[in-house]
N, C-alpha and C. Protein backbone atom coordinates (compact mmCIF):
# COMPACT_ATOMS: atom_id res chain seq x y z
N UNK A 1 -29.95 6.12 -11.80
CA UNK A 1 -28.78 6.18 -10.87
C UNK A 1 -29.27 6.28 -9.37
N UNK A 2 -30.49 6.48 -9.17
CA UNK A 2 -30.96 6.49 -7.77
C UNK A 2 -30.79 5.22 -6.98
N UNK A 3 -30.95 4.14 -7.75
CA UNK A 3 -30.68 2.92 -7.12
C UNK A 3 -29.30 2.53 -6.65
N UNK A 4 -28.29 3.24 -7.20
CA UNK A 4 -26.86 3.00 -6.88
C UNK A 4 -26.37 4.00 -5.86
N UNK A 5 -27.15 4.92 -5.47
CA UNK A 5 -26.77 5.97 -4.50
C UNK A 5 -25.54 6.80 -5.05
N UNK A 6 -25.57 7.00 -6.33
CA UNK A 6 -24.58 7.76 -7.02
C UNK A 6 -24.48 9.19 -6.56
N UNK A 7 -23.44 9.63 -6.02
CA UNK A 7 -23.33 11.10 -5.54
C UNK A 7 -23.81 11.35 -4.20
N UNK A 8 -24.34 10.42 -3.52
CA UNK A 8 -24.89 10.72 -2.16
C UNK A 8 -23.88 10.45 -1.04
N UNK A 9 -22.83 11.21 -1.24
CA UNK A 9 -21.67 11.21 -0.23
C UNK A 9 -21.39 12.51 0.27
N UNK A 10 -20.65 12.57 1.40
CA UNK A 10 -20.24 13.82 1.88
C UNK A 10 -19.08 14.44 0.81
N UNK A 11 -18.35 13.68 0.35
CA UNK A 11 -17.29 14.08 -0.68
C UNK A 11 -17.95 14.66 -1.91
N UNK A 12 -18.93 14.04 -2.41
CA UNK A 12 -19.70 14.55 -3.61
C UNK A 12 -20.39 15.93 -3.42
N UNK A 13 -21.09 15.98 -2.28
CA UNK A 13 -21.84 17.12 -1.92
C UNK A 13 -20.98 18.38 -1.73
N UNK A 14 -19.83 18.13 -1.00
CA UNK A 14 -18.89 19.19 -0.64
C UNK A 14 -18.22 19.75 -1.96
N UNK A 15 -17.80 18.84 -2.74
CA UNK A 15 -17.07 19.14 -4.00
C UNK A 15 -18.00 19.92 -4.98
N UNK A 16 -19.26 19.44 -5.07
CA UNK A 16 -20.26 20.09 -5.96
C UNK A 16 -20.52 21.52 -5.42
N UNK A 17 -20.79 21.59 -4.12
CA UNK A 17 -21.09 22.86 -3.48
C UNK A 17 -19.94 23.91 -3.71
N UNK A 18 -18.80 23.58 -3.57
CA UNK A 18 -17.66 24.49 -3.64
C UNK A 18 -17.67 24.90 -5.27
N UNK A 19 -17.73 24.01 -6.09
CA UNK A 19 -17.75 24.29 -7.52
C UNK A 19 -18.79 25.27 -8.02
N UNK A 20 -20.08 24.94 -7.49
CA UNK A 20 -21.06 25.87 -7.77
C UNK A 20 -20.85 27.23 -7.33
N UNK A 21 -20.36 27.40 -6.05
CA UNK A 21 -20.01 28.69 -5.59
C UNK A 21 -19.02 29.40 -6.45
N UNK A 22 -18.04 28.64 -6.87
CA UNK A 22 -16.96 29.10 -7.75
C UNK A 22 -17.55 29.65 -9.16
N UNK A 23 -18.47 28.79 -9.75
CA UNK A 23 -19.05 29.26 -11.00
C UNK A 23 -19.85 30.49 -10.75
N UNK A 24 -20.61 30.72 -9.70
CA UNK A 24 -21.42 31.88 -9.37
C UNK A 24 -20.48 33.03 -9.25
N UNK A 25 -19.31 32.83 -8.51
CA UNK A 25 -18.40 34.02 -8.31
C UNK A 25 -17.86 34.31 -9.63
N UNK A 26 -17.44 33.34 -10.52
CA UNK A 26 -16.87 33.68 -11.85
C UNK A 26 -17.93 34.38 -12.75
N UNK A 27 -19.17 33.97 -12.70
CA UNK A 27 -20.17 34.56 -13.50
C UNK A 27 -20.48 36.01 -13.10
N UNK A 28 -20.49 36.30 -11.74
CA UNK A 28 -20.71 37.62 -11.30
C UNK A 28 -19.63 38.57 -11.69
N UNK A 29 -18.34 38.08 -11.58
CA UNK A 29 -17.25 38.97 -11.99
C UNK A 29 -17.07 39.06 -13.50
N UNK A 30 -17.67 38.05 -14.16
CA UNK A 30 -17.63 38.20 -15.67
C UNK A 30 -18.52 39.40 -16.10
N UNK A 31 -19.63 39.43 -15.42
CA UNK A 31 -20.69 40.42 -15.74
C UNK A 31 -20.16 41.84 -15.42
N UNK A 32 -19.36 41.96 -14.29
CA UNK A 32 -18.77 43.13 -13.82
C UNK A 32 -17.50 43.48 -14.55
N UNK A 33 -17.05 42.62 -15.53
CA UNK A 33 -15.87 42.93 -16.34
C UNK A 33 -14.61 43.03 -15.54
N UNK A 34 -14.53 42.14 -14.57
CA UNK A 34 -13.30 42.04 -13.66
C UNK A 34 -12.59 40.79 -13.73
N UNK A 35 -11.56 40.77 -14.65
CA UNK A 35 -10.95 39.49 -15.01
C UNK A 35 -10.27 38.73 -13.72
N UNK A 36 -9.72 39.52 -12.88
CA UNK A 36 -9.14 38.95 -11.69
C UNK A 36 -10.19 38.11 -10.82
N UNK A 37 -11.32 38.64 -10.64
CA UNK A 37 -12.33 37.98 -9.87
C UNK A 37 -12.93 36.83 -10.66
N UNK A 38 -12.93 36.90 -11.97
CA UNK A 38 -13.42 35.77 -12.79
C UNK A 38 -12.52 34.61 -12.62
N UNK A 39 -11.23 34.92 -12.78
CA UNK A 39 -10.18 33.78 -12.59
C UNK A 39 -10.20 33.20 -11.16
N UNK A 40 -10.37 34.02 -10.20
CA UNK A 40 -10.49 33.56 -8.79
C UNK A 40 -11.67 32.58 -8.70
N UNK A 41 -12.69 32.91 -9.32
CA UNK A 41 -13.93 32.04 -9.30
C UNK A 41 -13.66 30.77 -10.06
N UNK A 42 -12.91 30.76 -11.19
CA UNK A 42 -12.56 29.56 -11.91
C UNK A 42 -11.67 28.66 -11.03
N UNK A 43 -10.70 29.27 -10.39
CA UNK A 43 -9.74 28.45 -9.41
C UNK A 43 -10.69 27.84 -8.38
N UNK A 44 -11.66 28.57 -7.75
CA UNK A 44 -12.51 28.05 -6.87
C UNK A 44 -13.31 26.77 -7.29
N UNK A 45 -13.74 26.91 -8.59
CA UNK A 45 -14.44 25.76 -9.18
C UNK A 45 -13.55 24.58 -9.28
N UNK A 46 -12.36 24.64 -9.81
CA UNK A 46 -11.40 23.62 -9.86
C UNK A 46 -11.16 23.04 -8.49
N UNK A 47 -11.03 23.96 -7.49
CA UNK A 47 -10.70 23.50 -6.16
C UNK A 47 -11.83 22.57 -5.59
N UNK A 48 -13.12 22.84 -5.98
CA UNK A 48 -14.13 21.98 -5.57
C UNK A 48 -13.86 20.54 -6.04
N UNK A 49 -13.45 20.39 -7.20
CA UNK A 49 -13.19 18.96 -7.70
C UNK A 49 -12.00 18.37 -6.89
N UNK A 50 -10.94 19.23 -6.70
CA UNK A 50 -9.76 18.64 -5.91
C UNK A 50 -10.22 18.27 -4.45
N UNK A 51 -10.99 19.10 -3.77
CA UNK A 51 -11.50 18.81 -2.44
C UNK A 51 -12.33 17.57 -2.37
N UNK A 52 -13.26 17.45 -3.38
CA UNK A 52 -14.03 16.24 -3.51
C UNK A 52 -13.27 14.99 -3.67
N UNK A 53 -12.20 15.00 -4.52
CA UNK A 53 -11.33 13.87 -4.69
C UNK A 53 -10.51 13.54 -3.48
N UNK A 54 -10.06 14.60 -2.88
CA UNK A 54 -9.31 14.30 -1.61
C UNK A 54 -10.21 13.64 -0.46
N UNK A 55 -11.40 14.23 -0.32
CA UNK A 55 -12.32 13.63 0.64
C UNK A 55 -12.66 12.17 0.31
N UNK A 56 -12.90 11.84 -0.99
CA UNK A 56 -13.16 10.52 -1.39
C UNK A 56 -12.03 9.63 -1.04
N UNK A 57 -10.75 10.21 -1.22
CA UNK A 57 -9.56 9.34 -0.91
C UNK A 57 -9.43 9.04 0.53
N UNK A 58 -9.98 10.02 1.36
CA UNK A 58 -9.85 9.92 2.79
C UNK A 58 -11.05 8.97 3.37
N UNK A 59 -11.85 8.49 2.40
CA UNK A 59 -12.85 7.47 2.88
C UNK A 59 -14.19 8.03 2.97
N UNK A 60 -14.46 9.26 2.58
CA UNK A 60 -15.77 9.97 2.75
C UNK A 60 -16.66 9.92 1.45
N UNK A 61 -16.12 9.09 0.43
CA UNK A 61 -16.85 8.92 -0.82
C UNK A 61 -17.52 7.59 -0.77
N UNK A 62 -18.05 7.16 -1.97
CA UNK A 62 -18.67 5.81 -2.00
C UNK A 62 -17.67 4.72 -1.99
N UNK A 63 -18.06 3.80 -1.00
CA UNK A 63 -17.10 2.61 -0.97
C UNK A 63 -17.38 1.56 -2.00
N UNK A 64 -16.31 0.92 -2.42
CA UNK A 64 -16.45 -0.19 -3.48
C UNK A 64 -16.92 -1.45 -2.82
N UNK A 65 -17.95 -2.10 -3.34
CA UNK A 65 -18.49 -3.19 -2.74
C UNK A 65 -17.40 -4.43 -2.84
N UNK A 66 -17.27 -5.12 -1.67
CA UNK A 66 -16.41 -6.24 -1.60
C UNK A 66 -17.08 -7.28 -1.01
N UNK A 67 -16.50 -8.56 -1.29
CA UNK A 67 -17.10 -9.80 -0.74
C UNK A 67 -15.90 -10.68 -0.34
N UNK A 68 -16.06 -11.62 0.53
CA UNK A 68 -14.98 -12.53 0.93
C UNK A 68 -14.82 -13.61 -0.10
N UNK A 69 -13.58 -13.89 -0.52
CA UNK A 69 -13.23 -14.99 -1.44
C UNK A 69 -13.19 -16.23 -0.65
N UNK A 70 -12.99 -17.39 -1.32
CA UNK A 70 -12.85 -18.77 -0.74
C UNK A 70 -11.78 -18.84 0.38
N UNK A 71 -10.72 -18.01 0.08
CA UNK A 71 -9.49 -18.23 1.08
C UNK A 71 -9.56 -17.07 2.03
N UNK A 72 -10.65 -16.29 2.08
CA UNK A 72 -10.76 -15.27 3.10
C UNK A 72 -10.23 -14.00 2.54
N UNK A 73 -9.80 -13.84 1.24
CA UNK A 73 -9.21 -12.69 0.62
C UNK A 73 -10.29 -11.79 0.30
N UNK A 74 -10.05 -10.43 0.27
CA UNK A 74 -11.07 -9.50 -0.11
C UNK A 74 -11.13 -9.58 -1.75
N UNK A 75 -12.29 -9.52 -2.32
CA UNK A 75 -12.47 -9.72 -3.71
C UNK A 75 -13.39 -8.56 -4.03
N UNK A 76 -12.90 -7.69 -5.03
CA UNK A 76 -13.70 -6.55 -5.52
C UNK A 76 -14.78 -7.10 -6.61
N UNK A 77 -16.05 -6.77 -6.32
CA UNK A 77 -17.06 -7.22 -7.23
C UNK A 77 -17.16 -6.28 -8.42
N UNK A 78 -17.40 -6.87 -9.59
CA UNK A 78 -17.59 -6.18 -10.86
C UNK A 78 -19.02 -5.69 -10.92
N UNK A 79 -19.23 -4.57 -11.50
CA UNK A 79 -20.67 -3.96 -11.70
C UNK A 79 -21.43 -4.86 -12.55
N UNK A 80 -22.70 -5.00 -12.54
CA UNK A 80 -23.50 -5.74 -13.37
C UNK A 80 -23.41 -5.35 -14.80
N UNK A 81 -23.16 -6.37 -15.67
CA UNK A 81 -23.06 -5.93 -17.08
C UNK A 81 -21.65 -5.60 -17.54
N UNK A 82 -20.68 -5.80 -16.65
CA UNK A 82 -19.38 -5.38 -16.98
C UNK A 82 -18.73 -6.62 -17.70
N UNK A 83 -17.92 -6.38 -18.71
CA UNK A 83 -17.26 -7.43 -19.48
C UNK A 83 -16.00 -7.79 -18.81
N UNK A 84 -15.71 -8.97 -18.64
CA UNK A 84 -14.46 -9.45 -18.03
C UNK A 84 -13.30 -9.62 -18.99
């Protein structure tokens, strides 16, 4: 995956960082036997995915490769090995 720059975007890094912090918070509160803090950490973990998705929708994620068609229209290229 290193050749495709998978996950090397601001949206990916931000979403994963927020999710990891949420898992750490949930794990700490689980050890302390505090259910409210555990669920707050789980909400934070899910929020990381939502934030990453929103940032990708705003254009901060990986852009899809495009090429010009014969008539000047944008054509989305299929990944190598994809069946048509």
